[in-house]
Each structure stands twice: as structure tokens, then as C-alpha cells.
Amino acid sequence: MTHFGIQKRNRLKKATLQLFSLALGFAGASHSAANNNGTTTELLMIESEDCPYCRKFDREIADIYPKTTEGKRAPLSRHTLGDKLPEKYADIDITSRTMTPTFILIENNKEIDRLVGYNSDEFFWFLLSDLFNKLPTQSQSK
């Protein structure tokens, strides 16, 4: 396959993934950061200004994430590595061995698990689903 053919296939694949993510977002429109059972869930992103993988995340995911089921259920909260985090994150350790980007799934201000690094949109969605599977059963059903 020619270089042009590979680029065209990759653009089509990316567009398909974006449309799929948007469709999931509209199907799950009833989810929100504050679930019906009173829990709050969010995805904390620790980034740095000079991080090329953070910029890649911006190009591939950032615009569509809020429209997805995951984005409605756990809105993205972005913070720069080295900046003081809000008090609600007092129990979240971002000082030791943190690489950027790091995505931390938080429920009721407690860390559930984290995803370190960003490779591609495909890996991100796959690994993010693993993080969401670690949420307590009660909050998964809401």
C-alpha cells in the first residue's frame, strides 16, 4: 500500500472512531459527574506544557471526550504538573514518579486507578474502559 493509501486509511479509521465515540456519548446522555447515587466521578489529567503526548491527546481526544459516555460520567479536569492542586485532591499523589500525561480516575475525591502516558486514541479508549471497570459496581450501573 502506498504512503498516501496508508494516510487515507488512518484518517478514515480516526473519523470512524470519533463518530463511534460521539454516538456512545449521545446514547449515554443521562450520565453526569454526580451520579444518582450521590457519587462524583471525574478524570484528572496531569499534563505539562512541553509534553508532546499531551498535545497529541489534545488533537485526538480532547474535543470529543466531553461528548462521550465516559466524558459525561467522568468529566476531564486538567492540571499542570507542579501546580498546586485544589484541596479536594489532597489524598491524590502526583509528586512521585508522575509522567505526563497521567490520567487519574477519581470517585468521591479518592483515586480508583491511573493511566500513565498516551500513545494513541485506540489505546486510550481501551485502557480507559479498564479504568472504568474498576469503579465500584453501584456507580457503574448509574
C-alpha atoms as a PDB file:
ATOM      1  CA  MET A   1       0.000   0.000   0.000  1.00  0.00           C
ATOM      2  CA  THR A   2       1.326   3.457  -0.849  1.00  0.00           C
ATOM      3  CA  HIS A   3       2.064   6.105   1.755  1.00  0.00           C
ATOM      4  CA  PHE A   4      -0.984   8.052   0.512  1.00  0.00           C
ATOM      5  CA  GLY A   5      -3.168   4.957   0.921  1.00  0.00           C
ATOM      6  CA  ILE A   6      -1.953   4.413   4.474  1.00  0.00           C
ATOM      7  CA  GLN A   7      -2.641   8.042   5.393  1.00  0.00           C
ATOM      8  CA  LYS A   8      -6.120   7.853   3.879  1.00  0.00           C
ATOM      9  CA  ARG A   9      -6.878   4.623   5.759  1.00  0.00           C
ATOM     10  CA  ASN A  10      -5.644   6.130   9.043  1.00  0.00           C
ATOM     11  CA  ARG A  11      -7.808   9.255   8.573  1.00  0.00           C
ATOM     12  CA  LEU A  12     -10.848   7.090   7.836  1.00  0.00           C
ATOM     13  CA  LYS A  13     -10.138   4.923  10.892  1.00  0.00           C
ATOM     14  CA  LYS A  14      -9.784   8.020  13.104  1.00  0.00           C
ATOM     15  CA  ALA A  15     -13.011   9.538  11.763  1.00  0.00           C
ATOM     16  CA  THR A  16     -14.841   6.256  12.381  1.00  0.00           C
ATOM     17  CA  LEU A  17     -13.581   6.119  15.980  1.00  0.00           C
ATOM     18  CA  GLN A  18     -14.643   9.728  16.552  1.00  0.00           C
ATOM     19  CA  LEU A  19     -18.121   9.079  15.180  1.00  0.00           C
ATOM     20  CA  PHE A  20     -18.413   5.936  17.297  1.00  0.00           C
ATOM     21  CA  SER A  21     -17.366   7.866  20.400  1.00  0.00           C
ATOM     22  CA  LEU A  22     -19.886  10.608  19.631  1.00  0.00           C
ATOM     23  CA  ALA A  23     -22.631   8.027  19.166  1.00  0.00           C
ATOM     24  CA  LEU A  24     -21.760   6.480  22.521  1.00  0.00           C
ATOM     25  CA  GLY A  25     -21.872   9.921  24.093  1.00  0.00           C
ATOM     26  CA  PHE A  26     -25.365  10.640  22.822  1.00  0.00           C
ATOM     27  CA  ALA A  27     -26.574   7.198  23.847  1.00  0.00           C
ATOM     28  CA  GLY A  28     -25.318   7.780  27.377  1.00  0.00           C
ATOM     29  CA  ALA A  29     -26.547  11.327  27.784  1.00  0.00           C
ATOM     30  CA  SER A  30     -28.193  10.504  31.107  1.00  0.00           C
ATOM     31  CA  HIS A  31     -24.815  10.115  32.875  1.00  0.00           C
ATOM     32  CA  SER A  32     -23.283  13.020  34.720  1.00  0.00           C
ATOM     33  CA  ALA A  33     -20.429  13.805  37.072  1.00  0.00           C
ATOM     34  CA  ALA A  34     -22.787  13.495  40.035  1.00  0.00           C
ATOM     35  CA  ASN A  35     -24.428  10.088  39.739  1.00  0.00           C
ATOM     36  CA  ASN A  36     -27.921   9.346  41.017  1.00  0.00           C
ATOM     37  CA  ASN A  37     -26.416   7.539  43.994  1.00  0.00           C
ATOM     38  CA  GLY A  38     -24.626  10.704  45.133  1.00  0.00           C
ATOM     39  CA  THR A  39     -21.132   9.754  43.966  1.00  0.00           C
ATOM     40  CA  THR A  40     -18.990  12.103  41.917  1.00  0.00           C
ATOM     41  CA  THR A  41     -16.608  10.757  39.330  1.00  0.00           C
ATOM     42  CA  GLU A  42     -14.001  12.635  37.311  1.00  0.00           C
ATOM     43  CA  LEU A  43     -10.917  12.031  35.223  1.00  0.00           C
ATOM     44  CA  LEU A  44      -7.992  14.126  36.417  1.00  0.00           C
ATOM     45  CA  MET A  45      -5.375  14.797  33.741  1.00  0.00           C
ATOM     46  CA  ILE A  46      -1.895  15.857  34.838  1.00  0.00           C
ATOM     47  CA  GLU A  47      -0.078  17.480  31.936  1.00  0.00           C
ATOM     48  CA  SER A  48       2.944  19.653  31.222  1.00  0.00           C
ATOM     49  CA  GLU A  49       3.414  22.464  28.749  1.00  0.00           C
ATOM     50  CA  ASP A  50       6.295  20.805  26.912  1.00  0.00           C
ATOM     51  CA  CYS A  51       4.698  17.351  26.657  1.00  0.00           C
ATOM     52  CA  PRO A  52       4.247  16.209  23.031  1.00  0.00           C
ATOM     53  CA  TYR A  53       1.959  13.358  24.141  1.00  0.00           C
ATOM     54  CA  CYS A  54      -0.328  15.836  25.922  1.00  0.00           C
ATOM     55  CA  ARG A  55      -0.602  17.801  22.661  1.00  0.00           C
ATOM     56  CA  LYS A  56      -1.310  14.570  20.779  1.00  0.00           C
ATOM     57  CA  PHE A  57      -4.103  13.848  23.267  1.00  0.00           C
ATOM     58  CA  ASP A  58      -5.433  17.357  22.588  1.00  0.00           C
ATOM     59  CA  ARG A  59      -5.506  16.709  18.833  1.00  0.00           C
ATOM     60  CA  GLU A  60      -7.033  13.224  19.017  1.00  0.00           C
ATOM     61  CA  ILE A  61      -9.277  13.086  22.090  1.00  0.00           C
ATOM     62  CA  ALA A  62      -9.795  16.382  23.957  1.00  0.00           C
ATOM     63  CA  ASP A  63     -12.575  17.760  21.742  1.00  0.00           C
ATOM     64  CA  ILE A  64     -14.659  14.595  21.658  1.00  0.00           C
ATOM     65  CA  TYR A  65     -14.113  13.338  25.220  1.00  0.00           C
ATOM     66  CA  PRO A  66     -16.842  15.520  26.832  1.00  0.00           C
ATOM     67  CA  LYS A  67     -19.363  14.200  24.286  1.00  0.00           C
ATOM     68  CA  THR A  68     -18.734  10.538  25.086  1.00  0.00           C
ATOM     69  CA  THR A  69     -20.345   8.363  27.739  1.00  0.00           C
ATOM     70  CA  GLU A  70     -17.054   8.365  29.638  1.00  0.00           C
ATOM     71  CA  GLY A  71     -16.772  12.144  29.408  1.00  0.00           C
ATOM     72  CA  LYS A  72     -20.280  12.661  30.729  1.00  0.00           C
ATOM     73  CA  ARG A  73     -19.718  10.193  33.536  1.00  0.00           C
ATOM     74  CA  ALA A  74     -16.235  11.415  34.485  1.00  0.00           C
ATOM     75  CA  PRO A  75     -15.584  14.946  33.193  1.00  0.00           C
ATOM     76  CA  LEU A  76     -11.967  15.788  32.449  1.00  0.00           C
ATOM     77  CA  SER A  77     -10.234  18.085  34.921  1.00  0.00           C
ATOM     78  CA  ARG A  78      -6.847  19.267  33.653  1.00  0.00           C
ATOM     79  CA  HIS A  79      -3.964  20.371  35.859  1.00  0.00           C
ATOM     80  CA  THR A  80      -0.345  21.209  35.124  1.00  0.00           C
ATOM     81  CA  LEU A  81       2.364  19.124  36.774  1.00  0.00           C
ATOM     82  CA  GLY A  82       3.994  21.174  39.514  1.00  0.00           C
ATOM     83  CA  ASP A  83       0.986  23.410  40.172  1.00  0.00           C
ATOM     84  CA  LYS A  84      -0.815  23.136  43.491  1.00  0.00           C
ATOM     85  CA  LEU A  85      -3.945  21.034  43.123  1.00  0.00           C
ATOM     86  CA  PRO A  86      -7.268  22.062  44.657  1.00  0.00           C
ATOM     87  CA  GLU A  87      -7.793  20.874  48.235  1.00  0.00           C
ATOM     88  CA  LYS A  88     -10.272  18.186  47.161  1.00  0.00           C
ATOM     89  CA  TYR A  89      -7.318  16.279  45.645  1.00  0.00           C
ATOM     90  CA  ALA A  90      -5.301  16.309  48.891  1.00  0.00           C
ATOM     91  CA  ASP A  91      -5.178  12.496  49.018  1.00  0.00           C
ATOM     92  CA  ILE A  92      -4.042  12.110  45.382  1.00  0.00           C
ATOM     93  CA  ASP A  93      -0.275  11.663  44.998  1.00  0.00           C
ATOM     94  CA  ILE A  94       1.037  13.354  41.878  1.00  0.00           C
ATOM     95  CA  THR A  95       4.508  14.186  43.155  1.00  0.00           C
ATOM     96  CA  SER A  96       6.269  10.837  42.928  1.00  0.00           C
ATOM     97  CA  ARG A  97       7.187   9.381  39.541  1.00  0.00           C
ATOM     98  CA  THR A  98       4.493  11.226  37.601  1.00  0.00           C
ATOM     99  CA  MET A  99       4.916  11.293  33.844  1.00  0.00           C
ATOM    100  CA  THR A 100       2.730  13.380  31.585  1.00  0.00           C
ATOM    101  CA  PRO A 101       0.097  12.905  30.667  1.00  0.00           C
ATOM    102  CA  THR A 102      -1.239  10.931  33.606  1.00  0.00           C
ATOM    103  CA  PHE A 103      -4.986  10.287  33.807  1.00  0.00           C
ATOM    104  CA  ILE A 104      -6.376   9.533  37.273  1.00  0.00           C
ATOM    105  CA  LEU A 105      -9.906   8.208  37.642  1.00  0.00           C
ATOM    106  CA  ILE A 106     -11.354   9.674  40.834  1.00  0.00           C
ATOM    107  CA  GLU A 107     -14.593   8.880  42.618  1.00  0.00           C
ATOM    108  CA  ASN A 108     -15.654  10.893  45.665  1.00  0.00           C
ATOM    109  CA  ASN A 109     -12.183  12.505  45.717  1.00  0.00           C
ATOM    110  CA  LYS A 110     -10.460   9.103  46.045  1.00  0.00           C
ATOM    111  CA  GLU A 111      -8.201   7.610  43.398  1.00  0.00           C
ATOM    112  CA  ILE A 112      -9.587   4.497  41.721  1.00  0.00           C
ATOM    113  CA  ASP A 113      -6.663   3.935  39.348  1.00  0.00           C
ATOM    114  CA  ARG A 114      -4.484   5.768  36.859  1.00  0.00           C
ATOM    115  CA  LEU A 115      -3.352   5.577  33.272  1.00  0.00           C
ATOM    116  CA  VAL A 116       0.188   6.827  32.679  1.00  0.00           C
ATOM    117  CA  GLY A 117       1.105   8.124  29.247  1.00  0.00           C
ATOM    118  CA  TYR A 118      -0.711   8.496  25.960  1.00  0.00           C
ATOM    119  CA  ASN A 119       0.109   6.515  22.850  1.00  0.00           C
ATOM    120  CA  SER A 120      -2.927   6.737  20.585  1.00  0.00           C
ATOM    121  CA  ASP A 121      -6.676   7.190  20.642  1.00  0.00           C
ATOM    122  CA  GLU A 122      -7.246   3.443  20.254  1.00  0.00           C
ATOM    123  CA  PHE A 123      -5.098   2.553  23.271  1.00  0.00           C
ATOM    124  CA  PHE A 124      -6.587   5.392  25.309  1.00  0.00           C
ATOM    125  CA  TRP A 125     -10.198   4.216  24.863  1.00  0.00           C
ATOM    126  CA  PHE A 126      -9.246   0.596  25.527  1.00  0.00           C
ATOM    127  CA  LEU A 127      -7.263   1.398  28.685  1.00  0.00           C
ATOM    128  CA  LEU A 128      -9.856   3.910  29.876  1.00  0.00           C
ATOM    129  CA  SER A 129     -12.525   1.217  29.734  1.00  0.00           C
ATOM    130  CA  ASP A 130     -10.307  -0.877  32.035  1.00  0.00           C
ATOM    131  CA  LEU A 131     -10.184   2.040  34.484  1.00  0.00           C
ATOM    132  CA  PHE A 132     -13.967   2.417  34.422  1.00  0.00           C
ATOM    133  CA  ASN A 133     -14.363  -1.317  35.086  1.00  0.00           C
ATOM    134  CA  LYS A 134     -12.582  -0.747  38.420  1.00  0.00           C
ATOM    135  CA  LEU A 135     -15.283   1.603  39.671  1.00  0.00           C
ATOM    136  CA  PRO A 136     -17.482   0.141  42.406  1.00  0.00           C
ATOM    137  CA  THR A 137     -20.431  -1.793  40.936  1.00  0.00           C
ATOM    138  CA  GLN A 138     -23.033   0.611  42.293  1.00  0.00           C
ATOM    139  CA  SER A 139     -21.548   3.607  40.452  1.00  0.00           C
ATOM    140  CA  GLN A 140     -21.069   1.617  37.236  1.00  0.00           C
ATOM    141  CA  SER A 141     -24.779   0.973  36.912  1.00  0.00           C
ATOM    142  CA  LYS A 142     -25.743   4.649  37.181  1.00  0.00           C
END
